[in-house]
């Protein structure tokens, strides 16, 4: 993921500077969100992975756990039709969904494979 554009414009916050897992509008799951700040500079690429097992969800940035939460119940296949969105001005490249949970080592290896120079 790569952030694009300014967070603050004319002294006002125009968008959040963080990564958020947001679980809203799922039947039988109370609305909830969890987030953590990201000190990303414009134009820098970062590896973002979302993992879940049962009710536990985690977001990893550059191979390290960034934020997480536990839901009231596991998500069902029909829940996943409204699962993903990006708020703000960002680019996403090589979006992939795997059939099985990846280990921490596999996520770190994928992160290392995707390392690019942010200097241009």
PDB file of N, CA and C in Angstrom:
ATOM      1  N   UNK A   1       0.843  -1.151   0.000  1.00  0.00           N
ATOM      2  CA  UNK A   1       0.000   0.000   0.000  1.00  0.00           C
ATOM      3  C   UNK A   1       0.899   1.227   0.000  1.00  0.00           C
ATOM      4  N   UNK A   2       0.476   2.244  -0.711  1.00  0.00           N
ATOM      5  CA  UNK A   2       1.241   3.486  -0.794  1.00  0.00           C
ATOM      6  C   UNK A   2       0.306   4.665  -0.548  1.00  0.00           C
ATOM      7  N   UNK A   3       0.671   5.507   0.404  1.00  0.00           N
ATOM      8  CA  UNK A   3      -0.126   6.696   0.697  1.00  0.00           C
ATOM      9  C   UNK A   3       0.149   7.756  -0.353  1.00  0.00           C
ATOM     10  N   UNK A   4      -0.886   8.495  -0.714  1.00  0.00           N
ATOM     11  CA  UNK A   4      -0.787   9.551  -1.713  1.00  0.00           C
ATOM     12  C   UNK A   4      -1.393  10.831  -1.142  1.00  0.00           C
ATOM     13  N   UNK A   5      -0.716  11.931  -1.248  1.00  0.00           N
ATOM     14  CA  UNK A   5      -1.286  13.212  -0.854  1.00  0.00           C
ATOM     15  C   UNK A   5      -1.110  13.543   0.610  1.00  0.00           C
ATOM     16  N   UNK A   6      -1.482  14.750   0.949  1.00  0.00           N
ATOM     17  CA  UNK A   6      -1.275  15.279   2.297  1.00  0.00           C
ATOM     18  C   UNK A   6      -2.372  14.831   3.255  1.00  0.00           C
ATOM     19  N   UNK A   7      -1.989  14.651   4.523  1.00  0.00           N
ATOM     20  CA  UNK A   7      -2.949  14.357   5.574  1.00  0.00           C
ATOM     21  C   UNK A   7      -3.572  15.656   6.073  1.00  0.00           C
ATOM     22  N   UNK A   8      -2.771  16.698   6.168  1.00  0.00           N
ATOM     23  CA  UNK A   8      -3.245  17.992   6.660  1.00  0.00           C
ATOM     24  C   UNK A   8      -3.232  18.991   5.509  1.00  0.00           C
ATOM     25  N   UNK A   9      -4.355  19.672   5.338  1.00  0.00           N
ATOM     26  CA  UNK A   9      -4.467  20.686   4.296  1.00  0.00           C
ATOM     27  C   UNK A   9      -5.080  21.925   4.932  1.00  0.00           C
ATOM     28  N   UNK A  10      -4.438  23.060   4.747  1.00  0.00           N
ATOM     29  CA  UNK A  10      -4.913  24.320   5.329  1.00  0.00           C
ATOM     30  C   UNK A  10      -5.119  24.202   6.834  1.00  0.00           C
ATOM     31  N   UNK A  11      -4.229  23.470   7.502  1.00  0.00           N
ATOM     32  CA  UNK A  11      -4.293  23.349   8.952  1.00  0.00           C
ATOM     33  C   UNK A  11      -5.356  22.395   9.464  1.00  0.00           C
ATOM     34  N   UNK A  12      -6.071  21.703   8.576  1.00  0.00           N
ATOM     35  CA  UNK A  12      -7.129  20.780   8.994  1.00  0.00           C
ATOM     36  C   UNK A  12      -6.768  19.356   8.593  1.00  0.00           C
ATOM     37  N   UNK A  13      -7.115  18.403   9.468  1.00  0.00           N
ATOM     38  CA  UNK A  13      -6.891  16.993   9.178  1.00  0.00           C
ATOM     39  C   UNK A  13      -7.853  16.564   8.079  1.00  0.00           C
ATOM     40  N   UNK A  14      -7.323  16.108   6.948  1.00  0.00           N
ATOM     41  CA  UNK A  14      -8.181  15.706   5.833  1.00  0.00           C
ATOM     42  C   UNK A  14      -8.444  14.208   5.813  1.00  0.00           C
ATOM     43  N   UNK A  15      -7.609  13.439   6.472  1.00  0.00           N
ATOM     44  CA  UNK A  15      -7.819  12.001   6.576  1.00  0.00           C
ATOM     45  C   UNK A  15      -6.941  11.466   7.694  1.00  0.00           C
ATOM     46  N   UNK A  16      -7.258  10.289   8.138  1.00  0.00           N
ATOM     47  CA  UNK A  16      -6.500   9.680   9.225  1.00  0.00           C
ATOM     48  C   UNK A  16      -5.148   9.199   8.725  1.00  0.00           C
ATOM     49  N   UNK A  17      -4.188   9.144   9.624  1.00  0.00           N
ATOM     50  CA  UNK A  17      -2.861   8.629   9.271  1.00  0.00           C
ATOM     51  C   UNK A  17      -2.649   7.293   9.958  1.00  0.00           C
ATOM     52  N   UNK A  18      -3.511   6.341   9.660  1.00  0.00           N
ATOM     53  CA  UNK A  18      -3.377   5.046  10.290  1.00  0.00           C
ATOM     54  C   UNK A  18      -4.009   3.953   9.460  1.00  0.00           C
ATOM     55  N   UNK A  19      -3.891   2.741   9.948  1.00  0.00           N
ATOM     56  CA  UNK A  19      -4.490   1.582   9.316  1.00  0.00           C
ATOM     57  C   UNK A  19      -5.578   1.090  10.249  1.00  0.00           C
ATOM     58  N   UNK A  20      -6.784   0.887   9.733  1.00  0.00           N
ATOM     59  CA  UNK A  20      -7.916   0.524  10.572  1.00  0.00           C
ATOM     60  C   UNK A  20      -8.558  -0.765  10.078  1.00  0.00           C
ATOM     61  N   UNK A  21      -8.872  -1.660  11.016  1.00  0.00           N
ATOM     62  CA  UNK A  21      -9.764  -2.781  10.752  1.00  0.00           C
ATOM     63  C   UNK A  21     -11.127  -2.343  11.253  1.00  0.00           C
ATOM     64  N   UNK A  22     -12.106  -2.341  10.368  1.00  0.00           N
ATOM     65  CA  UNK A  22     -13.417  -1.787  10.693  1.00  0.00           C
ATOM     66  C   UNK A  22     -14.465  -2.840  10.393  1.00  0.00           C
ATOM     67  N   UNK A  23     -15.179  -3.296  11.398  1.00  0.00           N
ATOM     68  CA  UNK A  23     -16.190  -4.340  11.247  1.00  0.00           C
ATOM     69  C   UNK A  23     -17.552  -3.740  11.571  1.00  0.00           C
ATOM     70  N   UNK A  24     -18.274  -3.371  10.531  1.00  0.00           N
ATOM     71  CA  UNK A  24     -19.595  -2.766  10.687  1.00  0.00           C
ATOM     72  C   UNK A  24     -20.575  -3.475   9.767  1.00  0.00           C
ATOM     73  N   UNK A  25     -21.817  -3.488  10.157  1.00  0.00           N
ATOM     74  CA  UNK A  25     -22.929  -3.971   9.327  1.00  0.00           C
ATOM     75  C   UNK A  25     -22.933  -5.478   9.115  1.00  0.00           C
ATOM     76  N   UNK A  26     -22.301  -6.233   9.985  1.00  0.00           N
ATOM     77  CA  UNK A  26     -22.384  -7.682   9.899  1.00  0.00           C
ATOM     78  C   UNK A  26     -23.460  -8.159  10.869  1.00  0.00           C
ATOM     79  N   UNK A  27     -24.328  -9.056  10.409  1.00  0.00           N
ATOM     80  CA  UNK A  27     -25.402  -9.575  11.250  1.00  0.00           C
ATOM     81  C   UNK A  27     -24.809 -10.279  12.474  1.00  0.00           C
ATOM     82  N   UNK A  28     -25.355  -9.983  13.620  1.00  0.00           N
ATOM     83  CA  UNK A  28     -24.966 -10.609  14.893  1.00  0.00           C
ATOM     84  C   UNK A  28     -23.567 -10.243  15.383  1.00  0.00           C
ATOM     85  N   UNK A  29     -22.947  -9.214  14.813  1.00  0.00           N
ATOM     86  CA  UNK A  29     -21.646  -8.744  15.295  1.00  0.00           C
ATOM     87  C   UNK A  29     -21.782  -7.260  15.623  1.00  0.00           C
ATOM     88  N   UNK A  30     -21.548  -6.870  16.881  1.00  0.00           N
ATOM     89  CA  UNK A  30     -21.592  -5.438  17.202  1.00  0.00           C
ATOM     90  C   UNK A  30     -20.557  -4.678  16.370  1.00  0.00           C
ATOM     91  N   UNK A  31     -20.913  -3.474  15.931  1.00  0.00           N
ATOM     92  CA  UNK A  31     -19.966  -2.639  15.184  1.00  0.00           C
ATOM     93  C   UNK A  31     -18.730  -2.385  16.035  1.00  0.00           C
ATOM     94  N   UNK A  32     -17.573  -2.536  15.450  1.00  0.00           N
ATOM     95  CA  UNK A  32     -16.333  -2.257  16.166  1.00  0.00           C
ATOM     96  C   UNK A  32     -15.221  -1.946  15.180  1.00  0.00           C
ATOM     97  N   UNK A  33     -14.203  -1.287  15.683  1.00  0.00           N
ATOM     98  CA  UNK A  33     -13.042  -0.938  14.862  1.00  0.00           C
ATOM     99  C   UNK A  33     -11.812  -0.944  15.758  1.00  0.00           C
ATOM    100  N   UNK A  34     -10.679  -1.202  15.152  1.00  0.00           N
ATOM    101  CA  UNK A  34      -9.401  -1.096  15.840  1.00  0.00           C
ATOM    102  C   UNK A  34      -8.407  -0.485  14.865  1.00  0.00           C
ATOM    103  N   UNK A  35      -7.533   0.346  15.367  1.00  0.00           N
ATOM    104  CA  UNK A  35      -6.580   0.993  14.467  1.00  0.00           C
ATOM    105  C   UNK A  35      -5.285   1.288  15.204  1.00  0.00           C
ATOM    106  N   UNK A  36      -4.301   1.645  14.427  1.00  0.00           N
ATOM    107  CA  UNK A  36      -3.018   2.062  14.966  1.00  0.00           C
ATOM    108  C   UNK A  36      -2.423   3.108  14.049  1.00  0.00           C
ATOM    109  N   UNK A  37      -1.635   4.017  14.579  1.00  0.00           N
ATOM    110  CA  UNK A  37      -1.058   5.075  13.739  1.00  0.00           C
ATOM    111  C   UNK A  37       0.010   4.524  12.805  1.00  0.00           C
ATOM    112  N   UNK A  38       0.103   5.115  11.641  1.00  0.00           N
ATOM    113  CA  UNK A  38       1.146   4.771  10.668  1.00  0.00           C
ATOM    114  C   UNK A  38       1.879   6.044  10.301  1.00  0.00           C
ATOM    115  N   UNK A  39       3.157   6.048  10.469  1.00  0.00           N
ATOM    116  CA  UNK A  39       3.966   7.210  10.094  1.00  0.00           C
ATOM    117  C   UNK A  39       4.501   7.022   8.680  1.00  0.00           C
ATOM    118  N   UNK A  40       3.597   6.886   7.730  1.00  0.00           N
ATOM    119  CA  UNK A  40       3.988   6.677   6.347  1.00  0.00           C
ATOM    120  C   UNK A  40       4.203   8.004   5.661  1.00  0.00           C
ATOM    121  N   UNK A  41       5.227   8.054   4.853  1.00  0.00           N
ATOM    122  CA  UNK A  41       5.474   9.238   4.032  1.00  0.00           C
ATOM    123  C   UNK A  41       4.839   9.012   2.670  1.00  0.00           C
ATOM    124  N   UNK A  42       4.427  10.091   2.014  1.00  0.00           N
ATOM    125  CA  UNK A  42       3.862   9.974   0.676  1.00  0.00           C
ATOM    126  C   UNK A  42       4.833   9.253  -0.242  1.00  0.00           C
ATOM    127  N   UNK A  43       4.308   8.339  -1.049  1.00  0.00           N
ATOM    128  CA  UNK A  43       5.114   7.639  -2.033  1.00  0.00           C
ATOM    129  C   UNK A  43       5.838   6.406  -1.526  1.00  0.00           C
ATOM    130  N   UNK A  44       5.840   6.146  -0.217  1.00  0.00           N
ATOM    131  CA  UNK A  44       6.489   4.951   0.320  1.00  0.00           C
ATOM    132  C   UNK A  44       5.547   3.756   0.197  1.00  0.00           C
ATOM    133  N   UNK A  45       6.104   2.623  -0.211  1.00  0.00           N
ATOM    134  CA  UNK A  45       5.326   1.388  -0.286  1.00  0.00           C
ATOM    135  C   UNK A  45       5.492   0.605   1.005  1.00  0.00           C
ATOM    136  N   UNK A  46       4.394  -0.020   1.450  1.00  0.00           N
ATOM    137  CA  UNK A  46       4.412  -0.854   2.648  1.00  0.00           C
ATOM    138  C   UNK A  46       3.633  -2.129   2.380  1.00  0.00           C
ATOM    139  N   UNK A  47       4.114  -3.233   2.943  1.00  0.00           N
ATOM    140  CA  UNK A  47       3.429  -4.516   2.830  1.00  0.00           C
ATOM    141  C   UNK A  47       2.389  -4.575   3.940  1.00  0.00           C
ATOM    142  N   UNK A  48       1.121  -4.756   3.567  1.00  0.00           N
ATOM    143  CA  UNK A  48       0.026  -4.847   4.533  1.00  0.00           C
ATOM    144  C   UNK A  48      -0.605  -6.226   4.398  1.00  0.00           C
ATOM    145  N   UNK A  49      -0.749  -6.937   5.506  1.00  0.00           N
ATOM    146  CA  UNK A  49      -1.395  -8.252   5.515  1.00  0.00           C
ATOM    147  C   UNK A  49      -2.483  -8.247   6.581  1.00  0.00           C
ATOM    148  N   UNK A  50      -3.621  -8.820   6.245  1.00  0.00           N
ATOM    149  CA  UNK A  50      -4.715  -8.989   7.200  1.00  0.00           C
ATOM    150  C   UNK A  50      -4.872 -10.492   7.399  1.00  0.00           C
ATOM    151  N   UNK A  51      -4.852 -10.938   8.646  1.00  0.00           N
ATOM    152  CA  UNK A  51      -5.002 -12.363   8.934  1.00  0.00           C
ATOM    153  C   UNK A  51      -6.163 -12.566   9.894  1.00  0.00           C
ATOM    154  N   UNK A  52      -6.782 -13.735   9.810  1.00  0.00           N
ATOM    155  CA  UNK A  52      -7.781 -14.075  10.808  1.00  0.00           C
ATOM    156  C   UNK A  52      -7.840 -15.576  10.990  1.00  0.00           C
ATOM    157  N   UNK A  53      -8.172 -15.949  12.177  1.00  0.00           N
ATOM    158  CA  UNK A  53      -8.396 -17.348  12.528  1.00  0.00           C
ATOM    159  C   UNK A  53      -9.542 -17.345  13.520  1.00  0.00           C
ATOM    160  N   UNK A  54     -10.665 -17.910  13.105  1.00  0.00           N
ATOM    161  CA  UNK A  54     -11.849 -17.896  13.956  1.00  0.00           C
ATOM    162  C   UNK A  54     -12.333 -16.470  14.145  1.00  0.00           C
ATOM    163  N   UNK A  55     -12.296 -15.996  15.373  1.00  0.00           N
ATOM    164  CA  UNK A  55     -12.772 -14.640  15.673  1.00  0.00           C
ATOM    165  C   UNK A  55     -11.640 -13.627  15.812  1.00  0.00           C
ATOM    166  N   UNK A  56     -10.397 -14.079  15.775  1.00  0.00           N
ATOM    167  CA  UNK A  56      -9.248 -13.179  15.983  1.00  0.00           C
ATOM    168  C   UNK A  56      -8.735 -12.626  14.653  1.00  0.00           C
ATOM    169  N   UNK A  57      -8.630 -11.300  14.555  1.00  0.00           N
ATOM    170  CA  UNK A  57      -8.149 -10.598  13.362  1.00  0.00           C
ATOM    171  C   UNK A  57      -6.925  -9.780  13.718  1.00  0.00           C
ATOM    172  N   UNK A  58      -5.950  -9.740  12.799  1.00  0.00           N
ATOM    173  CA  UNK A  58      -4.765  -8.901  12.984  1.00  0.00           C
ATOM    174  C   UNK A  58      -4.397  -8.237  11.667  1.00  0.00           C
ATOM    175  N   UNK A  59      -3.864  -7.029  11.778  1.00  0.00           N
ATOM    176  CA  UNK A  59      -3.293  -6.327  10.627  1.00  0.00           C
ATOM    177  C   UNK A  59      -1.800  -6.233  10.861  1.00  0.00           C
ATOM    178  N   UNK A  60      -1.021  -6.628   9.857  1.00  0.00           N
ATOM    179  CA  UNK A  60       0.434  -6.555   9.924  1.00  0.00           C
ATOM    180  C   UNK A  60       0.921  -5.545   8.899  1.00  0.00           C
ATOM    181  N   UNK A  61       1.866  -4.721   9.290  1.00  0.00           N
ATOM    182  CA  UNK A  61       2.480  -3.756   8.384  1.00  0.00           C
ATOM    183  C   UNK A  61       3.969  -4.069   8.333  1.00  0.00           C
ATOM    184  N   UNK A  62       4.463  -4.305   7.130  1.00  0.00           N
ATOM    185  CA  UNK A  62       5.874  -4.651   6.919  1.00  0.00           C
ATOM    186  C   UNK A  62       6.307  -5.825   7.794  1.00  0.00           C
ATOM    187  N   UNK A  63       5.408  -6.828   7.923  1.00  0.00           N
ATOM    188  CA  UNK A  63       5.729  -8.061   8.632  1.00  0.00           C
ATOM    189  C   UNK A  63       5.552  -8.031  10.135  1.00  0.00           C
ATOM    190  N   UNK A  64       5.104  -6.907  10.704  1.00  0.00           N
ATOM    191  CA  UNK A  64       4.942  -6.796  12.157  1.00  0.00           C
ATOM    192  C   UNK A  64       3.481  -6.495  12.499  1.00  0.00           C
ATOM    193  N   UNK A  65       2.979  -7.127  13.589  1.00  0.00           N
ATOM    194  CA  UNK A  65       1.596  -6.889  14.008  1.00  0.00           C
ATOM    195  C   UNK A  65       1.411  -5.411  14.308  1.00  0.00           C
ATOM    196  N   UNK A  66       0.379  -4.835  13.713  1.00  0.00           N
ATOM    197  CA  UNK A  66       0.101  -3.405  13.836  1.00  0.00           C
ATOM    198  C   UNK A  66      -1.103  -3.147  14.744  1.00  0.00           C
ATOM    199  N   UNK A  67      -2.172  -3.905  14.548  1.00  0.00           N
ATOM    200  CA  UNK A  67      -3.372  -3.782  15.360  1.00  0.00           C
ATOM    201  C   UNK A  67      -4.174  -5.065  15.223  1.00  0.00           C
ATOM    202  N   UNK A  68      -5.125  -5.287  16.101  1.00  0.00           N
ATOM    203  CA  UNK A  68      -5.944  -6.490  16.031  1.00  0.00           C
ATOM    204  C   UNK A  68      -7.183  -6.375  16.887  1.00  0.00           C
ATOM    205  N   UNK A  69      -8.092  -7.330  16.707  1.00  0.00           N
ATOM    206  CA  UNK A  69      -9.330  -7.341  17.475  1.00  0.00           C
ATOM    207  C   UNK A  69      -9.906  -8.746  17.472  1.00  0.00           C
ATOM    208  N   UNK A  70     -10.888  -8.981  18.338  1.00  0.00           N
ATOM    209  CA  UNK A  70     -11.610 -10.245  18.384  1.00  0.00           C
ATOM    210  C   UNK A  70     -13.088  -9.955  18.188  1.00  0.00           C
ATOM    211  N   UNK A  71     -13.715 -10.663  17.254  1.00  0.00           N
ATOM    212  CA  UNK A  71     -15.128 -10.466  16.949  1.00  0.00           C
ATOM    213  C   UNK A  71     -16.002 -11.374  17.804  1.00  0.00           C
ATOM    214  N   UNK A  72     -17.302 -11.066  17.852  1.00  0.00           N
ATOM    215  CA  UNK A  72     -18.247 -11.849  18.638  1.00  0.00           C
ATOM    216  C   UNK A  72     -18.458 -13.243  18.050  1.00  0.00           C
ATOM    217  N   UNK A  73     -18.296 -13.389  16.744  1.00  0.00           N
ATOM    218  CA  UNK A  73     -18.423 -14.680  16.076  1.00  0.00           C
ATOM    219  C   UNK A  73     -17.520 -14.681  14.846  1.00  0.00           C
ATOM    220  N   UNK A  74     -17.165 -15.858  14.344  1.00  0.00           N
ATOM    221  CA  UNK A  74     -16.390 -15.895  13.096  1.00  0.00           C
ATOM    222  C   UNK A  74     -17.224 -15.343  11.940  1.00  0.00           C
ATOM    223  N   UNK A  75     -16.564 -14.754  10.963  1.00  0.00           N
ATOM    224  CA  UNK A  75     -17.278 -14.300   9.774  1.00  0.00           C
ATOM    225  C   UNK A  75     -17.637 -15.501   8.912  1.00  0.00           C
ATOM    226  N   UNK A  76     -18.771 -15.382   8.225  1.00  0.00           N
ATOM    227  CA  UNK A  76     -19.231 -16.429   7.312  1.00  0.00           C
ATOM    228  C   UNK A  76     -18.890 -16.026   5.886  1.00  0.00           C
ATOM    229  N   UNK A  77     -18.952 -16.998   4.995  1.00  0.00           N
ATOM    230  CA  UNK A  77     -18.646 -16.735   3.588  1.00  0.00           C
ATOM    231  C   UNK A  77     -19.487 -15.582   3.052  1.00  0.00           C
ATOM    232  N   UNK A  78     -20.776 -15.559   3.372  1.00  0.00           N
ATOM    233  CA  UNK A  78     -21.646 -14.488   2.859  1.00  0.00           C
ATOM    234  C   UNK A  78     -21.293 -13.113   3.442  1.00  0.00           C
ATOM    235  N   UNK A  79     -20.629 -13.069   4.580  1.00  0.00           N
ATOM    236  CA  UNK A  79     -20.180 -11.793   5.151  1.00  0.00           C
ATOM    237  C   UNK A  79     -19.081 -11.160   4.302  1.00  0.00           C
ATOM    238  N   UNK A  80     -18.307 -11.964   3.620  1.00  0.00           N
ATOM    239  CA  UNK A  80     -17.110 -11.480   2.942  1.00  0.00           C
ATOM    240  C   UNK A  80     -17.393 -10.708   1.659  1.00  0.00           C
ATOM    241  N   UNK A  81     -18.654 -10.621   1.245  1.00  0.00           N
ATOM    242  CA  UNK A  81     -18.978  -9.857   0.033  1.00  0.00           C
ATOM    243  C   UNK A  81     -18.817  -8.360   0.240  1.00  0.00           C
ATOM    244  N   UNK A  82     -18.826  -7.898   1.472  1.00  0.00           N
ATOM    245  CA  UNK A  82     -18.701  -6.464   1.755  1.00  0.00           C
ATOM    246  C   UNK A  82     -17.469  -6.174   2.594  1.00  0.00           C
ATOM    247  N   UNK A  83     -16.398  -6.869   2.329  1.00  0.00           N
ATOM    248  CA  UNK A  83     -15.284  -6.906   3.248  1.00  0.00           C
ATOM    249  C   UNK A  83     -14.231  -5.822   3.090  1.00  0.00           C
ATOM    250  N   UNK A  84     -13.934  -5.364   1.893  1.00  0.00           N
ATOM    251  CA  UNK A  84     -12.713  -4.600   1.696  1.00  0.00           C
ATOM    252  C   UNK A  84     -12.989  -3.235   1.094  1.00  0.00           C
ATOM    253  N   UNK A  85     -12.373  -2.213   1.655  1.00  0.00           N
ATOM    254  CA  UNK A  85     -12.432  -0.886   1.043  1.00  0.00           C
ATOM    255  C   UNK A  85     -11.216  -0.091   1.500  1.00  0.00           C
ATOM    256  N   UNK A  86     -10.899   0.927   0.739  1.00  0.00           N
ATOM    257  CA  UNK A  86      -9.799   1.826   1.079  1.00  0.00           C
ATOM    258  C   UNK A  86     -10.382   3.212   1.216  1.00  0.00           C
ATOM    259  N   UNK A  87     -10.104   3.854   2.345  1.00  0.00           N
ATOM    260  CA  UNK A  87     -10.553   5.218   2.562  1.00  0.00           C
ATOM    261  C   UNK A  87      -9.338   6.123   2.440  1.00  0.00           C
ATOM    262  N   UNK A  88      -9.504   7.175   1.725  1.00  0.00           N
ATOM    263  CA  UNK A  88      -8.397   8.108   1.582  1.00  0.00           C
ATOM    264  C   UNK A  88      -7.736   7.944   0.230  1.00  0.00           C
ATOM    265  N   UNK A  89      -6.593   8.511   0.100  1.00  0.00           N
ATOM    266  CA  UNK A  89      -5.880   8.552  -1.163  1.00  0.00           C
ATOM    267  C   UNK A  89      -4.676   7.624  -1.070  1.00  0.00           C
ATOM    268  N   UNK A  90      -4.828   6.398  -1.578  1.00  0.00           N
ATOM    269  CA  UNK A  90      -3.758   5.406  -1.479  1.00  0.00           C
ATOM    270  C   UNK A  90      -3.785   4.502  -2.703  1.00  0.00           C
ATOM    271  N   UNK A  91      -2.689   3.834  -2.949  1.00  0.00           N
ATOM    272  CA  UNK A  91      -2.578   2.847  -4.017  1.00  0.00           C
ATOM    273  C   UNK A  91      -2.408   1.473  -3.395  1.00  0.00           C
ATOM    274  N   UNK A  92      -3.025   0.470  -4.025  1.00  0.00           N
ATOM    275  CA  UNK A  92      -2.851  -0.919  -3.598  1.00  0.00           C
ATOM    276  C   UNK A  92      -2.361  -1.698  -4.802  1.00  0.00           C
ATOM    277  N   UNK A  93      -1.343  -2.521  -4.603  1.00  0.00           N
ATOM    278  CA  UNK A  93      -0.761  -3.315  -5.680  1.00  0.00           C
ATOM    279  C   UNK A  93      -0.657  -4.762  -5.214  1.00  0.00           C
ATOM    280  N   UNK A  94      -0.885  -5.700  -6.106  1.00  0.00           N
ATOM    281  CA  UNK A  94      -0.738  -7.125  -5.834  1.00  0.00           C
ATOM    282  C   UNK A  94      -1.611  -7.595  -4.682  1.00  0.00           C
ATOM    283  N   UNK A  95      -2.898  -7.251  -4.722  1.00  0.00           N
ATOM    284  CA  UNK A  95      -3.863  -7.700  -3.722  1.00  0.00           C
ATOM    285  C   UNK A  95      -4.097  -9.196  -3.908  1.00  0.00           C
ATOM    286  N   UNK A  96      -3.915  -9.980  -2.851  1.00  0.00           N
ATOM    287  CA  UNK A  96      -4.030 -11.436  -2.938  1.00  0.00           C
ATOM    288  C   UNK A  96      -4.811 -11.974  -1.753  1.00  0.00           C
ATOM    289  N   UNK A  97      -5.706 -12.933  -2.020  1.00  0.00           N
ATOM    290  CA  UNK A  97      -6.403 -13.660  -0.959  1.00  0.00           C
ATOM    291  C   UNK A  97      -5.933 -15.107  -1.034  1.00  0.00           C
ATOM    292  N   UNK A  98      -5.493 -15.653   0.087  1.00  0.00           N
ATOM    293  CA  UNK A  98      -5.016 -17.031   0.140  1.00  0.00           C
ATOM    294  C   UNK A  98      -6.105 -17.945   0.696  1.00  0.00           C
ATOM    295  N   UNK A  99      -6.077 -19.211   0.290  1.00  0.00           N
ATOM    296  CA  UNK A  99      -7.073 -20.191   0.724  1.00  0.00           C
ATOM    297  C   UNK A  99      -6.829 -20.678   2.155  1.00  0.00           C
ATOM    298  N   UNK A 100      -5.679 -20.400   2.676  1.00  0.00           N
ATOM    299  CA  UNK A 100      -5.328 -20.898   4.008  1.00  0.00           C
ATOM    300  C   UNK A 100      -4.590 -19.803   4.761  1.00  0.00           C
ATOM    301  N   UNK A 101      -4.568 -19.918   6.080  1.00  0.00           N
ATOM    302  CA  UNK A 101      -3.799 -18.932   6.849  1.00  0.00           C
ATOM    303  C   UNK A 101      -2.308 -19.070   6.554  1.00  0.00           C
ATOM    304  N   UNK A 102      -1.633 -17.957   6.389  1.00  0.00           N
ATOM    305  CA  UNK A 102      -0.178 -17.962   6.223  1.00  0.00           C
ATOM    306  C   UNK A 102       0.474 -17.847   7.592  1.00  0.00           C
ATOM    307  N   UNK A 103       1.606 -18.478   7.744  1.00  0.00           N
ATOM    308  CA  UNK A 103       2.356 -18.372   8.999  1.00  0.00           C
ATOM    309  C   UNK A 103       3.042 -17.008   9.056  1.00  0.00           C
ATOM    310  N   UNK A 104       3.480 -16.635  10.237  1.00  0.00           N
ATOM    311  CA  UNK A 104       4.237 -15.396  10.388  1.00  0.00           C
ATOM    312  C   UNK A 104       5.475 -15.388   9.513  1.00  0.00           C
ATOM    313  N   UNK A 105       6.132 -16.548   9.405  1.00  0.00           N
ATOM    314  CA  UNK A 105       7.332 -16.648   8.568  1.00  0.00           C
ATOM    315  C   UNK A 105       6.999 -16.435   7.094  1.00  0.00           C
ATOM    316  N   UNK A 106       5.861 -16.982   6.644  1.00  0.00           N
ATOM    317  CA  UNK A 106       5.460 -16.799   5.242  1.00  0.00           C
ATOM    318  C   UNK A 106       5.151 -15.334   4.947  1.00  0.00           C
ATOM    319  N   UNK A 107       4.491 -14.662   5.879  1.00  0.00           N
ATOM    320  CA  UNK A 107       4.178 -13.243   5.686  1.00  0.00           C
ATOM    321  C   UNK A 107       5.461 -12.426   5.646  1.00  0.00           C
ATOM    322  N   UNK A 108       6.397 -12.724   6.542  1.00  0.00           N
ATOM    323  CA  UNK A 108       7.683 -12.010   6.524  1.00  0.00           C
ATOM    324  C   UNK A 108       8.436 -12.250   5.218  1.00  0.00           C
ATOM    325  N   UNK A 109       8.379 -13.484   4.689  1.00  0.00           N
ATOM    326  CA  UNK A 109       9.047 -13.799   3.430  1.00  0.00           C
ATOM    327  C   UNK A 109       8.402 -13.016   2.274  1.00  0.00           C
ATOM    328  N   UNK A 110       7.068 -12.946   2.242  1.00  0.00           N
ATOM    329  CA  UNK A 110       6.382 -12.160   1.210  1.00  0.00           C
ATOM    330  C   UNK A 110       6.746 -10.684   1.325  1.00  0.00           C
ATOM    331  N   UNK A 111       6.837 -10.185   2.548  1.00  0.00           N
ATOM    332  CA  UNK A 111       7.235  -8.793   2.761  1.00  0.00           C
ATOM    333  C   UNK A 111       8.636  -8.555   2.207  1.00  0.00           C
ATOM    334  N   UNK A 112       9.559  -9.473   2.475  1.00  0.00           N
ATOM    335  CA  UNK A 112      10.940  -9.313   1.999  1.00  0.00           C
ATOM    336  C   UNK A 112      11.017  -9.382   0.473  1.00  0.00           C
ATOM    337  N   UNK A 113      10.187 -10.220  -0.150  1.00  0.00           N
ATOM    338  CA  UNK A 113      10.178 -10.328  -1.615  1.00  0.00           C
ATOM    339  C   UNK A 113       9.730  -9.033  -2.273  1.00  0.00           C
ATOM    340  N   UNK A 114       8.845  -8.311  -1.603  1.00  0.00           N
ATOM    341  CA  UNK A 114       8.277  -7.109  -2.200  1.00  0.00           C
ATOM    342  C   UNK A 114       9.016  -5.832  -1.878  1.00  0.00           C
ATOM    343  N   UNK A 115      10.165  -5.918  -1.226  1.00  0.00           N
ATOM    344  CA  UNK A 115      10.914  -4.702  -0.874  1.00  0.00           C
ATOM    345  C   UNK A 115      11.286  -3.927  -2.127  1.00  0.00           C
ATOM    346  N   UNK A 116      10.950  -2.651  -2.109  1.00  0.00           N
ATOM    347  CA  UNK A 116      11.309  -1.774  -3.228  1.00  0.00           C
ATOM    348  C   UNK A 116      11.971  -0.528  -2.674  1.00  0.00           C
ATOM    349  N   UNK A 117      12.682   0.157  -3.513  1.00  0.00           N
ATOM    350  CA  UNK A 117      13.298   1.417  -3.110  1.00  0.00           C
ATOM    351  C   UNK A 117      12.239   2.499  -3.104  1.00  0.00           C
ATOM    352  N   UNK A 118      12.116   3.201  -1.994  1.00  0.00           N
ATOM    353  CA  UNK A 118      11.170   4.312  -1.905  1.00  0.00           C
ATOM    354  C   UNK A 118      11.786   5.620  -2.373  1.00  0.00           C
ATOM    355  N   UNK A 119      13.048   5.569  -2.761  1.00  0.00           N
ATOM    356  CA  UNK A 119      13.732   6.811  -3.136  1.00  0.00           C
ATOM    357  C   UNK A 119      13.569   7.150  -4.611  1.00  0.00           C
ATOM    358  N   UNK A 120      12.938   6.256  -5.380  1.00  0.00           N
ATOM    359  CA  UNK A 120      12.684   6.553  -6.789  1.00  0.00           C
ATOM    360  C   UNK A 120      13.625   5.940  -7.636  1.00  0.00           C
TER     361      UNK A 120
END
